[in-house]
Amino acid sequence: MTTPPPGFDPQGQQPPYGQQPPYGQQPQTPPPGFSQPGYGAPQQPQQPYDPNQQQYGQASPPYGMPQQPYGQQQYAGAPGGYTAPQGAYGLDTIQLPGVGTIRVASMGQRFLARLVDSLIIGIPAAILIPILTGLIFAGAASSASSLQNCDPSVTDCSAQVAAAASAVGAGFLVTFLVTPLIFLLVFAVYEVIMIAVRGATLGKQIAGVKVIRIHDGQLPGFGPAAGRWATMFAPGVIPVLGYLYVLVCYLSPFFDNLGRRQGWHDKTAKTIVISVK
């Protein structure tokens, strides 16, 4: 009869288990509970399991090291989170109750829209005002020449003097008051109608912006559109101070601390300018 090798337990019938003495120098007889083949067999992986534990422990430093890439991912994500504040100075996305998500128009877009609209109104004005002024002052010059030909010793020149003075006064009145008011009225009609009906003037359409009511996102209508325009431009008829007011009112969206870029005229009309590009 062949002698069983050392460490072999005939009762357990587990040759692999008998190989454990080199591992932990355990007694040849398996401890209680290990005599069952099904339970003793899973204990074999303990020796390869320890290396795995060490491999896992060795993997810990790489796991700690990925925290740097993980931190970098958050850093890479930070610009994504930072784009929203950038939008606060560019195209800002906000939520409006009853409207939903909108993009507030940037000040650059609004400046472009105002520039285009100013050119649309200003270029005809720059052409027509000098023509009208020239015609009026030509009449004043004719009256002045007739006054020069008048001899007070022969005839009464008071009529010619009055006519010349009236012509000069009318020239100044038309040049510096009437004509600007006419073009201001034209500009008002143009902007109020376009904002009320389409939510955008030609300049705003080119710039990709639109005016909507802040509470429901609909077109402003004539009342709010007229109030919006009047709040901004009506004080402009006052010399000097009116011009300063128009400038400050136009820059007032910069002062809106809610991030909506509502100017004083927007708040009066309860409107907001959004980007549609």
Foldseek 3Di string as FASTA:
>chain_A
DDDDDPLDDPQLPDVLVSVCCVVVVDDSDDDPPCSHNVVVVVVSCPVVVVVVVVVVVVCVVVVVVCVVVVVVVVVVCVVVVVVQVVLLQAFHWDQFVQAGIFTFHHVVLVVQLVVVLCCVLVVVLVVVLVVVLVVLVVQLVVLVVVLVVDDVVVDPSPVSVVSNVVSVVVSVCCNPPVSVVVSVVVSLVQQLVCQQPPQGHPSSVVSQKGKAARRNRHRLHNPLSNQLSCCQQVLCSDPPVSVVSNVCQSVQLVVDPVSQSQGPSCVRSNMGMGGRD
